[in-house]
């Protein structure tokens, strides 16, 4: 058994549908990255806003907590994107290049 979950399929059985599925997976991975980055930026902005307008100590503490959480969320999203992108490329390289005839 190969190391890839797709090793059980013969390369001749892969068709256009499989190529398009990989393309959809790439786009989904990019959307997920953007969602992580959006969440991270939102947490950072919320933290800075809370710290700026805080009237009590606990509210300022929540703002301080939000800033590193936003940074960690952004870093986690980038790391996750790169890992998934590499595994998608491994599968894509296993696909035979399709011959388009006119």
N, C-alpha and C. Protein backbone atom coordinates (compact mmCIF):
# COMPACT_ATOMS: atom_id res chain seq x y z
N UNK A 1 0.85 -1.18 0.00
CA UNK A 1 0.00 0.00 0.00
C UNK A 1 0.89 1.24 0.00
N UNK A 2 0.58 2.22 -0.85
CA UNK A 2 1.36 3.45 -0.94
C UNK A 2 1.07 4.39 0.21
N UNK A 3 1.82 5.45 0.27
CA UNK A 3 1.64 6.41 1.34
C UNK A 3 0.50 7.38 1.08
N UNK A 4 0.03 7.46 -0.17
CA UNK A 4 -1.04 8.38 -0.52
C UNK A 4 -2.39 7.68 -0.40
N UNK A 5 -3.41 8.41 0.04
CA UNK A 5 -4.73 7.78 0.09
C UNK A 5 -5.29 7.47 -1.29
N UNK A 6 -4.68 8.01 -2.35
CA UNK A 6 -5.14 7.79 -3.70
C UNK A 6 -4.33 6.74 -4.43
N UNK A 7 -3.41 6.08 -3.73
CA UNK A 7 -2.54 5.11 -4.39
C UNK A 7 -3.30 3.87 -4.85
N UNK A 8 -4.49 3.62 -4.32
CA UNK A 8 -5.25 2.45 -4.73
C UNK A 8 -5.90 2.62 -6.10
N UNK A 9 -5.92 3.86 -6.61
CA UNK A 9 -6.50 4.11 -7.92
C UNK A 9 -5.42 4.05 -8.98
N UNK A 10 -5.74 3.40 -10.08
CA UNK A 10 -4.83 3.34 -11.21
C UNK A 10 -4.85 4.70 -11.91
N UNK A 11 -3.72 5.17 -12.36
CA UNK A 11 -3.65 6.49 -13.01
C UNK A 11 -4.53 6.58 -14.24
N UNK A 12 -4.79 5.47 -14.89
CA UNK A 12 -5.62 5.53 -16.08
C UNK A 12 -7.09 5.73 -15.75
N UNK A 13 -7.47 5.53 -14.50
CA UNK A 13 -8.86 5.69 -14.10
C UNK A 13 -9.21 7.14 -13.73
N UNK A 14 -8.21 7.97 -13.56
CA UNK A 14 -8.45 9.35 -13.18
C UNK A 14 -8.91 10.15 -14.40
N UNK A 15 -9.97 10.91 -14.23
CA UNK A 15 -10.56 11.63 -15.36
C UNK A 15 -10.66 13.11 -15.03
N UNK A 16 -11.31 13.85 -15.92
CA UNK A 16 -11.45 15.29 -15.75
C UNK A 16 -12.11 15.64 -14.42
N UNK A 17 -13.06 14.85 -13.99
CA UNK A 17 -13.76 15.09 -12.73
C UNK A 17 -12.76 15.14 -11.56
N UNK A 18 -11.75 14.28 -11.59
CA UNK A 18 -10.75 14.27 -10.53
C UNK A 18 -9.89 15.52 -10.57
N UNK A 19 -9.55 15.96 -11.77
CA UNK A 19 -8.77 17.20 -11.92
C UNK A 19 -9.55 18.40 -11.39
N UNK A 20 -10.84 18.45 -11.71
CA UNK A 20 -11.68 19.55 -11.24
C UNK A 20 -11.90 19.49 -9.73
N UNK A 21 -11.96 18.29 -9.18
CA UNK A 21 -12.10 18.16 -7.73
C UNK A 21 -10.88 18.71 -7.01
N UNK A 22 -9.71 18.50 -7.58
CA UNK A 22 -8.49 19.06 -6.98
C UNK A 22 -8.51 20.58 -7.07
N UNK A 23 -8.98 21.11 -8.20
CA UNK A 23 -9.08 22.57 -8.33
C UNK A 23 -10.04 23.15 -7.30
N UNK A 24 -11.17 22.48 -7.06
CA UNK A 24 -12.12 22.95 -6.04
C UNK A 24 -11.50 22.87 -4.65
N UNK A 25 -10.70 21.85 -4.42
CA UNK A 25 -10.04 21.71 -3.12
C UNK A 25 -9.02 22.82 -2.91
N UNK A 26 -8.31 23.20 -3.94
CA UNK A 26 -7.36 24.31 -3.85
C UNK A 26 -8.09 25.61 -3.50
N UNK A 27 -9.20 25.86 -4.18
CA UNK A 27 -9.98 27.07 -3.89
C UNK A 27 -10.56 27.05 -2.48
N UNK A 28 -11.00 25.90 -2.03
CA UNK A 28 -11.52 25.79 -0.66
C UNK A 28 -10.42 26.04 0.36
N UNK A 29 -9.21 25.56 0.07
CA UNK A 29 -8.08 25.80 0.96
C UNK A 29 -7.76 27.29 1.04
N UNK A 30 -7.84 27.98 -0.09
CA UNK A 30 -7.58 29.42 -0.10
C UNK A 30 -8.67 30.18 0.67
N UNK A 31 -9.92 29.76 0.52
CA UNK A 31 -11.01 30.40 1.28
C UNK A 31 -10.82 30.20 2.77
N UNK A 32 -10.36 29.02 3.15
CA UNK A 32 -10.12 28.75 4.57
C UNK A 32 -9.00 29.63 5.11
N UNK A 33 -7.95 29.81 4.33
CA UNK A 33 -6.87 30.71 4.74
C UNK A 33 -7.39 32.12 4.95
N UNK A 34 -8.18 32.61 4.00
CA UNK A 34 -8.72 33.96 4.13
C UNK A 34 -9.64 34.09 5.35
N UNK A 35 -10.37 33.05 5.68
CA UNK A 35 -11.23 33.08 6.87
C UNK A 35 -10.39 33.15 8.14
N UNK A 36 -9.30 32.38 8.19
CA UNK A 36 -8.41 32.46 9.36
C UNK A 36 -7.81 33.86 9.48
N UNK A 37 -7.34 34.41 8.37
CA UNK A 37 -6.73 35.74 8.41
C UNK A 37 -7.76 36.81 8.80
N UNK A 38 -8.98 36.69 8.29
CA UNK A 38 -10.04 37.64 8.65
C UNK A 38 -10.34 37.56 10.15
N UNK A 39 -10.40 36.34 10.68
CA UNK A 39 -10.66 36.17 12.10
C UNK A 39 -9.52 36.74 12.94
N UNK A 40 -8.29 36.50 12.51
CA UNK A 40 -7.14 37.01 13.24
C UNK A 40 -7.11 38.53 13.27
N UNK A 41 -7.34 39.15 12.12
CA UNK A 41 -7.36 40.61 12.06
C UNK A 41 -8.50 41.17 12.90
N UNK A 42 -9.65 40.51 12.86
CA UNK A 42 -10.79 40.97 13.67
C UNK A 42 -10.48 40.91 15.16
N UNK A 43 -9.82 39.84 15.58
CA UNK A 43 -9.46 39.73 17.00
C UNK A 43 -8.46 40.81 17.40
N UNK A 44 -7.49 41.08 16.54
CA UNK A 44 -6.50 42.12 16.85
C UNK A 44 -7.19 43.49 16.94
N UNK A 45 -8.05 43.80 16.00
CA UNK A 45 -8.76 45.08 16.01
C UNK A 45 -9.66 45.19 17.24
N UNK A 46 -10.34 44.09 17.56
CA UNK A 46 -11.20 44.11 18.75
C UNK A 46 -10.37 44.32 20.01
N UNK A 47 -9.22 43.67 20.09
CA UNK A 47 -8.36 43.83 21.25
C UNK A 47 -7.85 45.25 21.41
N UNK A 48 -7.40 45.84 20.32
CA UNK A 48 -6.91 47.22 20.37
C UNK A 48 -8.04 48.18 20.75
N UNK A 49 -9.23 47.96 20.18
CA UNK A 49 -10.37 48.82 20.50
C UNK A 49 -10.77 48.71 21.96
N UNK A 50 -10.78 47.48 22.47
CA UNK A 50 -11.13 47.29 23.88
C UNK A 50 -10.12 47.96 24.79
N UNK A 51 -8.85 47.84 24.46
CA UNK A 51 -7.83 48.46 25.29
C UNK A 51 -7.93 49.98 25.23
N UNK A 52 -8.27 50.51 24.09
CA UNK A 52 -8.34 51.96 23.92
C UNK A 52 -9.53 52.56 24.68
N UNK A 53 -10.66 51.88 24.63
CA UNK A 53 -11.88 52.42 25.24
C UNK A 53 -12.22 51.80 26.59
N UNK A 54 -11.31 51.03 27.17
CA UNK A 54 -11.61 50.32 28.41
C UNK A 54 -11.79 51.30 29.57
N UNK A 55 -12.85 51.07 30.33
CA UNK A 55 -13.10 51.85 31.54
C UNK A 55 -12.75 51.05 32.80
N UNK A 56 -12.75 49.74 32.68
CA UNK A 56 -12.43 48.89 33.82
C UNK A 56 -11.26 47.98 33.47
N UNK A 57 -10.64 47.43 34.51
CA UNK A 57 -9.45 46.60 34.32
C UNK A 57 -9.72 45.29 33.61
N UNK A 58 -10.85 44.65 33.90
CA UNK A 58 -11.11 43.36 33.27
C UNK A 58 -11.36 43.50 31.78
N UNK A 59 -11.96 44.62 31.37
CA UNK A 59 -12.22 44.86 29.96
C UNK A 59 -10.90 45.07 29.21
N UNK A 60 -9.97 45.75 29.85
CA UNK A 60 -8.64 45.94 29.28
C UNK A 60 -7.92 44.60 29.18
N UNK A 61 -8.11 43.75 30.18
CA UNK A 61 -7.51 42.41 30.16
C UNK A 61 -8.03 41.55 29.01
N UNK A 62 -9.32 41.67 28.71
CA UNK A 62 -9.88 40.94 27.57
C UNK A 62 -9.25 41.43 26.27
N UNK A 63 -9.03 42.73 26.17
CA UNK A 63 -8.37 43.28 24.99
C UNK A 63 -6.95 42.78 24.84
N UNK A 64 -6.23 42.71 25.94
CA UNK A 64 -4.86 42.19 25.91
C UNK A 64 -4.87 40.72 25.48
N UNK A 65 -5.87 39.97 25.89
CA UNK A 65 -5.98 38.57 25.51
C UNK A 65 -6.30 38.41 24.02
N UNK A 66 -7.08 39.31 23.47
CA UNK A 66 -7.50 39.19 22.07
C UNK A 66 -6.35 39.39 21.09
N UNK A 67 -5.41 40.24 21.41
CA UNK A 67 -4.33 40.55 20.45
C UNK A 67 -3.45 39.34 20.16
N UNK A 68 -2.88 38.67 21.17
CA UNK A 68 -2.07 37.49 20.82
C UNK A 68 -2.91 36.34 20.26
N UNK A 69 -4.17 36.26 20.67
CA UNK A 69 -5.04 35.24 20.10
C UNK A 69 -5.24 35.47 18.61
N UNK A 70 -5.39 36.71 18.20
CA UNK A 70 -5.52 37.04 16.78
C UNK A 70 -4.25 36.71 16.00
N UNK A 71 -3.10 37.01 16.58
CA UNK A 71 -1.83 36.71 15.91
C UNK A 71 -1.66 35.20 15.77
N UNK A 72 -1.97 34.46 16.82
CA UNK A 72 -1.85 33.00 16.78
C UNK A 72 -2.82 32.42 15.75
N UNK A 73 -4.03 32.97 15.67
CA UNK A 73 -5.01 32.49 14.69
C UNK A 73 -4.49 32.70 13.26
N UNK A 74 -3.92 33.85 12.98
CA UNK A 74 -3.37 34.11 11.66
C UNK A 74 -2.22 33.19 11.32
N UNK A 75 -1.32 32.99 12.26
CA UNK A 75 -0.17 32.10 12.03
C UNK A 75 -0.65 30.66 11.83
N UNK A 76 -1.61 30.22 12.63
CA UNK A 76 -2.15 28.87 12.49
C UNK A 76 -2.77 28.68 11.11
N UNK A 77 -3.49 29.69 10.63
CA UNK A 77 -4.10 29.60 9.31
C UNK A 77 -3.08 29.47 8.20
N UNK A 78 -2.00 30.24 8.28
CA UNK A 78 -0.96 30.18 7.26
C UNK A 78 -0.25 28.82 7.28
N UNK A 79 0.05 28.33 8.47
CA UNK A 79 0.72 27.03 8.59
C UNK A 79 -0.19 25.93 8.05
N UNK A 80 -1.46 25.98 8.42
CA UNK A 80 -2.42 24.97 7.94
C UNK A 80 -2.55 25.04 6.42
N UNK A 81 -2.60 26.23 5.87
CA UNK A 81 -2.71 26.41 4.41
C UNK A 81 -1.51 25.77 3.71
N UNK A 82 -0.33 26.01 4.22
CA UNK A 82 0.87 25.48 3.57
C UNK A 82 0.94 23.97 3.64
N UNK A 83 0.52 23.38 4.76
CA UNK A 83 0.52 21.92 4.90
C UNK A 83 -0.46 21.30 3.92
N UNK A 84 -1.67 21.82 3.88
CA UNK A 84 -2.70 21.28 2.98
C UNK A 84 -2.30 21.51 1.52
N UNK A 85 -1.72 22.66 1.24
CA UNK A 85 -1.31 22.95 -0.14
C UNK A 85 -0.25 21.96 -0.62
N UNK A 86 0.69 21.61 0.25
CA UNK A 86 1.71 20.63 -0.13
C UNK A 86 1.09 19.27 -0.39
N UNK A 87 0.14 18.86 0.43
CA UNK A 87 -0.48 17.55 0.21
C UNK A 87 -1.34 17.54 -1.06
N UNK A 88 -1.96 18.67 -1.38
CA UNK A 88 -2.73 18.76 -2.62
C UNK A 88 -1.78 18.65 -3.82
N UNK A 89 -0.62 19.28 -3.75
CA UNK A 89 0.34 19.22 -4.84
C UNK A 89 0.85 17.80 -5.06
N UNK A 90 1.00 17.03 -3.97
CA UNK A 90 1.42 15.63 -4.10
C UNK A 90 0.40 14.86 -4.91
N UNK A 91 -0.87 15.06 -4.60
CA UNK A 91 -1.93 14.36 -5.33
C UNK A 91 -1.98 14.85 -6.78
N UNK A 92 -1.84 16.14 -6.98
CA UNK A 92 -1.90 16.69 -8.34
C UNK A 92 -0.77 16.14 -9.21
N UNK A 93 0.40 15.95 -8.65
CA UNK A 93 1.52 15.41 -9.42
C UNK A 93 1.29 13.95 -9.82
N UNK A 94 0.42 13.25 -9.10
CA UNK A 94 0.13 11.86 -9.44
C UNK A 94 -0.84 11.76 -10.60
N UNK A 95 -1.56 12.83 -10.90
CA UNK A 95 -2.51 12.80 -12.01
C UNK A 95 -1.76 12.84 -13.33
N UNK A 96 -2.17 12.04 -14.28
CA UNK A 96 -1.55 12.15 -15.59
C UNK A 96 -2.03 13.43 -16.28
N UNK A 97 -1.15 14.04 -17.05
CA UNK A 97 -1.55 15.23 -17.78
C UNK A 97 -2.52 14.81 -18.87
N UNK A 98 -3.65 15.51 -18.93
CA UNK A 98 -4.70 15.14 -19.86
C UNK A 98 -4.33 15.62 -21.26
N UNK A 99 -4.57 14.77 -22.24
CA UNK A 99 -4.33 15.11 -23.63
C UNK A 99 -5.63 15.64 -24.21
N UNK A 100 -5.64 16.90 -24.63
CA UNK A 100 -6.82 17.51 -25.21
C UNK A 100 -6.68 17.44 -26.72
N UNK A 101 -7.58 16.72 -27.36
CA UNK A 101 -7.52 16.59 -28.82
C UNK A 101 -8.56 17.49 -29.45
N UNK A 102 -8.23 18.09 -30.57
CA UNK A 102 -9.15 18.98 -31.28
C UNK A 102 -9.97 18.23 -32.27
